[in-house]
Amino acid sequence: MRYKKTRSTVLEPDMTPMIDVVFQLIAFFMLVTNFEQTQADERVKLPSDQLARPPEVAREKVLVLNIGFHRDKEGAKLDPQAYIFEGDASIPILDFGRRLLEEKRVAQALYGPEGNTEMTVEIRADAETPTGLIQELIKLAQENGFEKFSLRAKQIVK
């Protein structure tokens, strides 16, 4: 008696394209996800404080200013002058008034005529930054119409 060969009726899909798509989606979301740390600058060594806490809700209308020093790989200061870091640019604090005027214009264009008064200036200053320089920066910001300020520190974890 002859038996006919029958093909298997169980179909198994090829999973290789599915795995490729999954990895492409992972790469895509890693690139487009807005991490909160993107506004942080690793050149700024924040002071530590027990009362420091991360914000509970992400704030809108925030101008983040990272203030620090140019340092070598060991962390020693290369220049005693503090700078405001914006990407690759380093601007001396006392020369930042023109940039604050530009930020005021942008805030007013985005949020209306009173946009700069609603915006919070978040200052992330290096622990070794003199307090007088921070006060001068706040004074420059007030002269340009900014009214809300917040200072950042690292939380001490016990």
C-alpha atoms as a PDB file:
ATOM      1  CA  MET A   1       0.000   0.000   0.000  1.00  0.00           C
ATOM      2  CA  ARG A   2       1.283   3.422  -0.933  1.00  0.00           C
ATOM      3  CA  TYR A   3       1.087   6.339   1.382  1.00  0.00           C
ATOM      4  CA  LYS A   4       0.796   9.832   0.065  1.00  0.00           C
ATOM      5  CA  LYS A   5       3.128  12.400   1.480  1.00  0.00           C
ATOM      6  CA  THR A   6       1.160  15.187   3.060  1.00  0.00           C
ATOM      7  CA  ARG A   7       2.535  18.553   3.840  1.00  0.00           C
ATOM      8  CA  SER A   8       2.401  19.870   7.343  1.00  0.00           C
ATOM      9  CA  THR A   9      -0.576  22.141   7.937  1.00  0.00           C
ATOM     10  CA  VAL A  10       1.155  24.042  10.726  1.00  0.00           C
ATOM     11  CA  LEU A  11       2.463  27.302   9.357  1.00  0.00           C
ATOM     12  CA  GLU A  12       5.306  28.979  11.215  1.00  0.00           C
ATOM     13  CA  PRO A  13       5.877  32.600  10.322  1.00  0.00           C
ATOM     14  CA  ASP A  14       9.395  33.907   9.826  1.00  0.00           C
ATOM     15  CA  MET A  15      10.148  36.001  12.923  1.00  0.00           C
ATOM     16  CA  THR A  16      13.315  37.654  11.588  1.00  0.00           C
ATOM     17  CA  PRO A  17      11.536  40.721  10.118  1.00  0.00           C
ATOM     18  CA  MET A  18       9.509  41.097  13.323  1.00  0.00           C
ATOM     19  CA  ILE A  19      12.672  41.200  15.422  1.00  0.00           C
ATOM     20  CA  ASP A  20      14.177  43.781  13.058  1.00  0.00           C
ATOM     21  CA  VAL A  21      11.105  45.984  13.394  1.00  0.00           C
ATOM     22  CA  VAL A  22      11.182  45.737  17.191  1.00  0.00           C
ATOM     23  CA  PHE A  23      14.826  46.814  17.333  1.00  0.00           C
ATOM     24  CA  GLN A  24      14.146  49.701  14.966  1.00  0.00           C
ATOM     25  CA  LEU A  25      11.260  50.840  17.192  1.00  0.00           C
ATOM     26  CA  ILE A  26      13.481  50.665  20.268  1.00  0.00           C
ATOM     27  CA  ALA A  27      16.153  52.746  18.531  1.00  0.00           C
ATOM     28  CA  PHE A  28      13.533  55.245  17.327  1.00  0.00           C
ATOM     29  CA  PHE A  29      12.032  55.783  20.789  1.00  0.00           C
ATOM     30  CA  MET A  30      15.463  56.111  22.374  1.00  0.00           C
ATOM     31  CA  LEU A  31      16.263  58.936  19.952  1.00  0.00           C
ATOM     32  CA  VAL A  32      13.003  60.875  20.206  1.00  0.00           C
ATOM     33  CA  THR A  33      12.320  60.494  23.917  1.00  0.00           C
ATOM     34  CA  ASN A  34      12.810  63.776  25.747  1.00  0.00           C
ATOM     35  CA  PHE A  35      14.842  62.977  28.819  1.00  0.00           C
ATOM     36  CA  GLU A  36      14.723  65.487  31.666  1.00  0.00           C
ATOM     37  CA  GLN A  37      18.495  65.269  31.982  1.00  0.00           C
ATOM     38  CA  THR A  38      18.998  66.808  28.535  1.00  0.00           C
ATOM     39  CA  GLN A  39      18.950  70.242  30.127  1.00  0.00           C
ATOM     40  CA  ALA A  40      21.531  69.188  32.684  1.00  0.00           C
ATOM     41  CA  ASP A  41      25.183  69.840  31.961  1.00  0.00           C
ATOM     42  CA  GLU A  42      27.792  67.437  33.327  1.00  0.00           C
ATOM     43  CA  ARG A  43      30.270  70.319  33.706  1.00  0.00           C
ATOM     44  CA  VAL A  44      28.118  71.684  36.555  1.00  0.00           C
ATOM     45  CA  LYS A  45      28.785  70.082  39.957  1.00  0.00           C
ATOM     46  CA  LEU A  46      25.641  70.915  41.934  1.00  0.00           C
ATOM     47  CA  PRO A  47      25.819  71.526  45.689  1.00  0.00           C
ATOM     48  CA  SER A  48      24.310  68.858  47.954  1.00  0.00           C
ATOM     49  CA  ASP A  49      21.393  69.508  50.294  1.00  0.00           C
ATOM     50  CA  GLN A  50      19.089  67.344  52.396  1.00  0.00           C
ATOM     51  CA  LEU A  51      16.049  69.385  51.370  1.00  0.00           C
ATOM     52  CA  ALA A  52      16.696  69.044  47.624  1.00  0.00           C
ATOM     53  CA  ARG A  53      14.070  67.032  45.807  1.00  0.00           C
ATOM     54  CA  PRO A  54      13.366  66.531  42.123  1.00  0.00           C
ATOM     55  CA  PRO A  55      10.237  68.348  40.938  1.00  0.00           C
ATOM     56  CA  GLU A  56       7.099  66.236  41.303  1.00  0.00           C
ATOM     57  CA  VAL A  57       5.659  67.471  38.023  1.00  0.00           C
ATOM     58  CA  ALA A  58       7.639  68.560  34.987  1.00  0.00           C
ATOM     59  CA  ARG A  59       7.297  72.309  34.701  1.00  0.00           C
ATOM     60  CA  GLU A  60       6.527  74.265  31.592  1.00  0.00           C
ATOM     61  CA  LYS A  61       7.888  77.677  30.659  1.00  0.00           C
ATOM     62  CA  VAL A  62      11.321  77.111  32.170  1.00  0.00           C
ATOM     63  CA  LEU A  63      14.601  78.731  31.158  1.00  0.00           C
ATOM     64  CA  VAL A  64      17.455  76.541  32.446  1.00  0.00           C
ATOM     65  CA  LEU A  65      20.830  78.205  33.038  1.00  0.00           C
ATOM     66  CA  ASN A  66      23.802  75.891  33.702  1.00  0.00           C
ATOM     67  CA  ILE A  67      26.614  77.750  35.495  1.00  0.00           C
ATOM     68  CA  GLY A  68      30.001  76.185  36.029  1.00  0.00           C
ATOM     69  CA  PHE A  69      33.722  76.243  35.408  1.00  0.00           C
ATOM     70  CA  HIS A  70      35.997  74.836  32.754  1.00  0.00           C
ATOM     71  CA  ARG A  71      37.659  71.852  34.420  1.00  0.00           C
ATOM     72  CA  ASP A  72      40.252  69.235  33.523  1.00  0.00           C
ATOM     73  CA  LYS A  73      39.622  65.485  33.677  1.00  0.00           C
ATOM     74  CA  GLU A  74      40.453  65.376  37.392  1.00  0.00           C
ATOM     75  CA  GLY A  75      37.939  68.131  38.154  1.00  0.00           C
ATOM     76  CA  ALA A  76      40.393  70.956  38.836  1.00  0.00           C
ATOM     77  CA  LYS A  77      39.400  74.408  37.592  1.00  0.00           C
ATOM     78  CA  LEU A  78      41.212  75.535  34.461  1.00  0.00           C
ATOM     79  CA  ASP A  79      39.781  79.050  34.676  1.00  0.00           C
ATOM     80  CA  PRO A  80      38.612  80.832  37.854  1.00  0.00           C
ATOM     81  CA  GLN A  81      35.817  82.617  35.945  1.00  0.00           C
ATOM     82  CA  ALA A  82      32.355  81.024  36.014  1.00  0.00           C
ATOM     83  CA  TYR A  83      30.496  80.605  32.734  1.00  0.00           C
ATOM     84  CA  ILE A  84      26.964  79.903  31.579  1.00  0.00           C
ATOM     85  CA  PHE A  85      27.053  76.832  29.361  1.00  0.00           C
ATOM     86  CA  GLU A  86      24.743  76.735  26.337  1.00  0.00           C
ATOM     87  CA  GLY A  87      25.642  73.713  24.264  1.00  0.00           C
ATOM     88  CA  ASP A  88      29.255  74.214  23.202  1.00  0.00           C
ATOM     89  CA  ALA A  89      29.205  77.942  23.979  1.00  0.00           C
ATOM     90  CA  SER A  90      30.548  79.350  27.245  1.00  0.00           C
ATOM     91  CA  ILE A  91      29.309  82.834  28.127  1.00  0.00           C
ATOM     92  CA  PRO A  92      30.673  84.807  31.103  1.00  0.00           C
ATOM     93  CA  ILE A  93      27.862  85.473  33.587  1.00  0.00           C
ATOM     94  CA  LEU A  94      28.116  89.248  33.478  1.00  0.00           C
ATOM     95  CA  ASP A  95      27.954  89.200  29.633  1.00  0.00           C
ATOM     96  CA  PHE A  96      24.699  87.212  29.615  1.00  0.00           C
ATOM     97  CA  GLY A  97      22.384  90.266  29.602  1.00  0.00           C
ATOM     98  CA  ARG A  98      22.024  90.349  25.790  1.00  0.00           C
ATOM     99  CA  ARG A  99      21.112  86.656  25.747  1.00  0.00           C
ATOM    100  CA  LEU A 100      18.471  87.249  28.434  1.00  0.00           C
ATOM    101  CA  LEU A 101      16.975  89.973  26.247  1.00  0.00           C
ATOM    102  CA  GLU A 102      16.720  87.444  23.396  1.00  0.00           C
ATOM    103  CA  GLU A 103      15.102  84.928  25.752  1.00  0.00           C
ATOM    104  CA  LYS A 104      12.602  87.600  26.801  1.00  0.00           C
ATOM    105  CA  ARG A 105      11.651  88.207  23.156  1.00  0.00           C
ATOM    106  CA  VAL A 106      11.263  84.478  22.524  1.00  0.00           C
ATOM    107  CA  ALA A 107       9.097  84.051  25.634  1.00  0.00           C
ATOM    108  CA  GLN A 108       6.883  86.948  24.577  1.00  0.00           C
ATOM    109  CA  ALA A 109       6.573  85.526  21.050  1.00  0.00           C
ATOM    110  CA  LEU A 110       5.634  82.079  22.383  1.00  0.00           C
ATOM    111  CA  TYR A 111       3.468  82.951  25.394  1.00  0.00           C
ATOM    112  CA  GLY A 112       2.221  86.477  24.766  1.00  0.00           C
ATOM    113  CA  PRO A 113       3.288  89.915  25.999  1.00  0.00           C
ATOM    114  CA  GLU A 114       3.634  88.762  29.613  1.00  0.00           C
ATOM    115  CA  GLY A 115       5.374  85.483  28.692  1.00  0.00           C
ATOM    116  CA  ASN A 116       8.657  86.364  30.320  1.00  0.00           C
ATOM    117  CA  THR A 117       7.008  87.181  33.660  1.00  0.00           C
ATOM    118  CA  GLU A 118       5.339  83.736  33.658  1.00  0.00           C
ATOM    119  CA  MET A 119       8.592  81.946  32.812  1.00  0.00           C
ATOM    120  CA  THR A 120      10.718  80.452  35.618  1.00  0.00           C
ATOM    121  CA  VAL A 121      14.483  80.902  35.421  1.00  0.00           C
ATOM    122  CA  GLU A 122      16.023  77.708  36.801  1.00  0.00           C
ATOM    123  CA  ILE A 123      19.617  78.239  37.892  1.00  0.00           C
ATOM    124  CA  ARG A 124      21.823  75.150  38.078  1.00  0.00           C
ATOM    125  CA  ALA A 125      25.018  76.578  39.551  1.00  0.00           C
ATOM    126  CA  ASP A 126      28.252  74.792  40.374  1.00  0.00           C
ATOM    127  CA  ALA A 127      28.817  74.385  44.120  1.00  0.00           C
ATOM    128  CA  GLU A 128      31.928  76.584  43.889  1.00  0.00           C
ATOM    129  CA  THR A 129      30.197  79.472  42.120  1.00  0.00           C
ATOM    130  CA  PRO A 130      30.355  82.647  44.224  1.00  0.00           C
ATOM    131  CA  THR A 131      26.976  83.706  45.560  1.00  0.00           C
ATOM    132  CA  GLY A 132      27.569  87.260  44.345  1.00  0.00           C
ATOM    133  CA  LEU A 133      27.671  86.073  40.725  1.00  0.00           C
ATOM    134  CA  ILE A 134      24.342  84.294  41.139  1.00  0.00           C
ATOM    135  CA  GLN A 135      22.868  87.482  42.610  1.00  0.00           C
ATOM    136  CA  GLU A 136      24.218  89.485  39.646  1.00  0.00           C
ATOM    137  CA  LEU A 137      22.626  86.988  37.231  1.00  0.00           C
ATOM    138  CA  ILE A 138      19.279  87.258  39.035  1.00  0.00           C
ATOM    139  CA  LYS A 139      19.570  91.048  38.873  1.00  0.00           C
ATOM    140  CA  LEU A 140      20.241  90.883  35.103  1.00  0.00           C
ATOM    141  CA  ALA A 141      17.220  88.612  34.664  1.00  0.00           C
ATOM    142  CA  GLN A 142      15.004  90.963  36.709  1.00  0.00           C
ATOM    143  CA  GLU A 143      16.120  93.903  34.570  1.00  0.00           C
ATOM    144  CA  ASN A 144      14.894  91.931  31.544  1.00  0.00           C
ATOM    145  CA  GLY A 145      11.490  91.272  33.114  1.00  0.00           C
ATOM    146  CA  PHE A 146      11.911  87.777  34.557  1.00  0.00           C
ATOM    147  CA  GLU A 147      10.305  87.424  37.974  1.00  0.00           C
ATOM    148  CA  LYS A 148      10.355  83.741  38.959  1.00  0.00           C
ATOM    149  CA  PHE A 149      13.538  81.931  39.946  1.00  0.00           C
ATOM    150  CA  SER A 150      14.497  78.516  41.266  1.00  0.00           C
ATOM    151  CA  LEU A 151      17.862  77.123  42.343  1.00  0.00           C
ATOM    152  CA  ARG A 152      18.916  73.485  41.924  1.00  0.00           C
ATOM    153  CA  ALA A 153      20.904  71.248  44.262  1.00  0.00           C
ATOM    154  CA  LYS A 154      21.679  67.526  44.492  1.00  0.00           C
ATOM    155  CA  GLN A 155      19.636  65.537  46.975  1.00  0.00           C
ATOM    156  CA  ILE A 156      21.641  63.841  49.722  1.00  0.00           C
ATOM    157  CA  VAL A 157      20.638  60.184  49.735  1.00  0.00           C
ATOM    158  CA  LYS A 158      21.081  58.425  53.077  1.00  0.00           C
END
